[in-house]
Structure formats: C-alpha cells, structure tokens
Amino acid sequence: MTEEFELKAITPDGINAATGRAEHYRLLNQPVQAQSICHDVLAIDPESQRALVVLVLAITDEFKSGASSANDAKTYANQLSDEYERHYYNGIIVERQAHALLTKGPSAAFAYDGFREAMEWFEKAAELRPEGNDDSILRWNSCVRTIQNQNLHPRPPEVELGLE
C-alpha cells in the first residue's frame, strides 16, 4: 500500500526565488527538479510567464532521453501571453525535437522536417520581435546551419504500390 502525500504550497513572496532556483537547476542539467519547482510556482501564479518559459525549456531538455513530451511543452508555450514568445518557444520545442531525432538512427530522416517547421515558427516570431531582439533570427540561422552541416534533405515522397 502506498502512502498518499499532499503537496505543500509555496508562498507568493517566494515565487521569484523559486523561479530563480528552477533556472539554476536547469543549468545544472536537472530538468526534473526544475519542472517540479515550476509546477509549484504555477500552482500559486498560473500566469507566471517566467515559470512557463523555464518549464518549457526544462521539458525540452529531456527530449534526447525520450523522457518528456512535446505536447506537454506546447501546452505550456501556448499559455504565454506574448504572441512573439508563443511563436519563438514553439520553434524552440520543434527545433529541440529535431535535434533529438538526429541522435536516434533511422529517425534522423525526420529531422529535416522538424528543422523546417522550427524555421517557420522562427519566421513568424521574427515578424513580431521587439526592436533589438534577434533571437528568432539566430535560431533560424542555427537550423539552416544544422541542415547544411548534417546534410539533411526532405524525405522522398512515399510511393504507393498498386495491387496487381
């Protein structure tokens, strides 16, 4: 028989420090801990933009291990109030998925499609970017370089075999 535990709530005054700690755990390559803290922050402040961003990034940190879902990350990215950030972080999600595919043998064939989708998100973000913020352009260029350096190409169209 397992015990039932009830989560303890953090205080509203502790949100900034907790979010900073989540960022710190992400940098220490401890995305699970970062996600847990973000969930604690979002339980108190469901609209915390900073916690949503850290949560999206922490989820995508686990893509290479296959331990997390892009759908979860997209759910949180789509809660961002700024349209530029929604486009930018959706691009980050897809780009990180594509990078994860590069390490998974036959799945690498699908990486090109992921990088192209990420580039579309970054193009949308670039149209909305704040003055002096070239992050979406830098990410778009990174996708182009990865496609070139990895010699990625679109998958050939599937051929339908007719029955004779």
Protein backbone atom coordinates (compact mmCIF):
# COMPACT_ATOMS: atom_id res chain seq x y z
CA MET A 1 0.00 0.00 0.00
CA THR A 2 1.41 3.39 -0.95
CA GLU A 3 1.08 6.43 1.18
CA GLU A 4 -0.87 9.44 0.00
CA PHE A 5 1.02 12.67 0.20
CA GLU A 6 -0.31 16.17 -0.20
CA LEU A 7 1.88 18.75 -1.91
CA LYS A 8 2.78 21.80 0.13
CA ALA A 9 2.20 25.24 -1.37
CA ILE A 10 4.94 27.81 -1.61
CA THR A 11 4.23 31.38 -0.54
CA PRO A 12 3.54 34.13 -3.06
CA ASP A 13 6.56 36.00 -1.65
CA GLY A 14 8.77 33.05 -2.59
CA ILE A 15 7.81 32.92 -6.29
CA ASN A 16 10.78 34.95 -7.61
CA ALA A 17 13.32 32.98 -5.60
CA ALA A 18 11.71 29.68 -6.56
CA THR A 19 11.72 30.56 -10.26
CA GLY A 20 15.37 31.56 -9.99
CA ARG A 21 16.08 28.22 -8.35
CA ALA A 22 14.27 26.42 -11.22
CA GLU A 23 16.50 28.25 -13.71
CA HIS A 24 19.53 27.22 -11.65
CA TYR A 25 18.50 23.53 -11.64
CA ARG A 26 18.01 23.68 -15.42
CA LEU A 27 21.56 24.97 -15.80
CA LEU A 28 22.76 22.13 -13.56
CA ASN A 29 21.12 19.70 -16.02
CA GLN A 30 18.44 18.72 -13.51
CA PRO A 31 15.30 19.33 -15.60
CA VAL A 32 13.05 17.18 -13.43
CA GLN A 33 13.81 19.32 -10.39
CA ALA A 34 13.31 22.50 -12.45
CA GLN A 35 9.93 21.22 -13.68
CA SER A 36 8.81 20.39 -10.16
CA ILE A 37 9.63 23.89 -8.95
CA CYS A 38 7.84 25.45 -11.94
CA HIS A 39 4.73 23.44 -11.14
CA ASP A 40 4.89 24.75 -7.56
CA VAL A 41 5.16 28.33 -8.85
CA LEU A 42 2.33 27.84 -11.36
CA ALA A 43 0.11 26.41 -8.62
CA ILE A 44 0.32 29.82 -6.91
CA ASP A 45 0.64 32.03 -10.03
CA PRO A 46 -0.75 30.16 -13.08
CA GLU A 47 0.17 33.06 -15.37
CA SER A 48 3.82 33.35 -14.34
CA GLN A 49 5.50 33.91 -17.71
CA ARG A 50 8.96 33.26 -16.34
CA ALA A 51 7.91 29.91 -14.82
CA LEU A 52 6.16 28.91 -18.07
CA VAL A 53 9.32 29.61 -20.08
CA VAL A 54 11.55 27.69 -17.65
CA LEU A 55 9.06 24.81 -17.66
CA VAL A 56 9.00 24.65 -21.47
CA LEU A 57 12.80 24.63 -21.60
CA ALA A 58 13.10 22.04 -18.82
CA ILE A 59 10.68 19.74 -20.64
CA THR A 60 12.62 20.10 -23.89
CA ASP A 61 15.87 19.37 -22.04
CA GLU A 62 14.61 15.80 -21.76
CA PHE A 63 13.83 15.22 -25.44
CA LYS A 64 17.10 13.39 -26.17
CA SER A 65 16.37 10.86 -23.44
CA GLY A 66 12.77 10.48 -24.61
CA ALA A 67 11.54 11.23 -21.09
CA SER A 68 9.15 14.05 -21.95
CA SER A 69 6.50 15.01 -24.47
CA ALA A 70 6.48 17.84 -26.97
CA ASN A 71 2.72 18.09 -26.43
CA ASP A 72 3.30 18.99 -22.78
CA ALA A 73 5.84 21.65 -23.76
CA LYS A 74 3.49 23.08 -26.42
CA THR A 75 0.64 23.25 -23.90
CA TYR A 76 2.74 25.49 -21.66
CA ALA A 77 4.24 27.52 -24.54
CA ASN A 78 0.74 28.30 -25.78
CA GLN A 79 -0.10 29.77 -22.36
CA LEU A 80 2.46 32.53 -22.86
CA SER A 81 0.67 35.87 -23.16
CA ASP A 82 3.06 37.42 -25.71
CA GLU A 83 2.50 36.30 -29.31
CA TYR A 84 6.18 36.66 -30.17
CA GLU A 85 7.13 34.38 -27.27
CA ARG A 86 4.47 31.81 -28.20
CA HIS A 87 5.93 31.57 -31.73
CA TYR A 88 9.53 31.64 -30.51
CA TYR A 89 9.13 28.92 -27.88
CA ASN A 90 7.07 26.71 -30.18
CA GLY A 91 10.00 26.99 -32.58
CA ILE A 92 12.40 26.03 -29.78
CA ILE A 93 10.28 22.98 -28.99
CA VAL A 94 10.27 21.73 -32.57
CA GLU A 95 13.97 22.53 -33.07
CA ARG A 96 14.91 20.56 -29.96
CA GLN A 97 12.74 17.66 -31.12
CA ALA A 98 14.59 17.68 -34.44
CA HIS A 99 17.96 17.70 -32.66
CA ALA A 100 16.82 14.71 -30.59
CA LEU A 101 15.87 12.87 -33.80
CA LEU A 102 19.41 13.32 -35.12
CA THR A 103 20.66 11.02 -32.36
CA LYS A 104 18.11 8.26 -32.96
CA GLY A 105 19.36 6.41 -36.04
CA PRO A 106 16.62 5.94 -38.63
CA SER A 107 14.54 8.72 -37.04
CA ALA A 108 17.14 11.19 -38.30
CA ALA A 109 15.32 11.11 -41.64
CA PHE A 110 12.52 13.06 -39.96
CA ALA A 111 14.84 15.72 -38.51
CA TYR A 112 14.78 17.82 -41.69
CA ASP A 113 11.00 18.24 -41.38
CA GLY A 114 11.40 19.29 -37.77
CA PHE A 115 14.03 21.90 -38.55
CA ARG A 116 11.88 23.30 -41.38
CA GLU A 117 8.87 23.54 -39.05
CA ALA A 118 11.01 25.27 -36.43
CA MET A 119 12.20 27.72 -39.08
CA GLU A 120 8.56 28.55 -39.90
CA TRP A 121 7.90 29.32 -36.21
CA PHE A 122 11.04 31.47 -36.04
CA GLU A 123 9.98 33.38 -39.16
CA LYS A 124 6.62 34.16 -37.55
CA ALA A 125 8.40 35.26 -34.38
CA ALA A 126 10.85 37.42 -36.35
CA GLU A 127 7.93 39.41 -37.77
CA LEU A 128 6.81 40.24 -34.22
CA ARG A 129 10.16 40.56 -32.48
CA PRO A 130 10.84 43.51 -30.23
CA GLU A 131 13.35 46.02 -31.52
CA GLY A 132 16.90 44.81 -30.94
CA ASN A 133 15.81 41.21 -30.28
CA ASP A 134 17.30 38.98 -32.96
CA ASP A 135 16.89 35.68 -31.09
CA SER A 136 14.45 34.27 -33.65
CA ILE A 137 16.84 35.11 -36.49
CA LEU A 138 19.73 33.47 -34.64
CA ARG A 139 17.65 30.31 -34.13
CA TRP A 140 16.54 30.30 -37.79
CA ASN A 141 20.20 30.56 -38.87
CA SER A 142 21.13 27.75 -36.48
CA CYS A 143 18.51 25.49 -38.09
CA VAL A 144 19.88 26.31 -41.56
CA ARG A 145 23.42 25.50 -40.44
CA THR A 146 22.33 22.22 -38.86
CA ILE A 147 20.51 21.20 -42.04
CA GLN A 148 23.63 22.03 -44.06
CA ASN A 149 26.19 20.52 -41.67
CA GLN A 150 24.20 17.31 -41.22
CA ASN A 151 23.45 17.14 -44.95
CA LEU A 152 19.72 16.80 -44.25
CA HIS A 153 17.17 16.62 -47.05
CA PRO A 154 13.42 16.28 -47.33
CA ARG A 155 12.23 12.70 -47.27
CA PRO A 156 11.34 11.39 -50.72
CA PRO A 157 7.62 11.17 -51.35
CA GLU A 158 6.11 7.84 -50.44
CA VAL A 159 5.35 5.72 -53.45
CA GLU A 160 2.06 3.90 -53.49
CA LEU A 161 2.38 0.35 -54.69
CA GLY A 162 -0.64 -0.73 -56.70
CA LEU A 163 -2.10 -4.18 -56.35
CA GLU A 164 -1.94 -6.30 -59.46
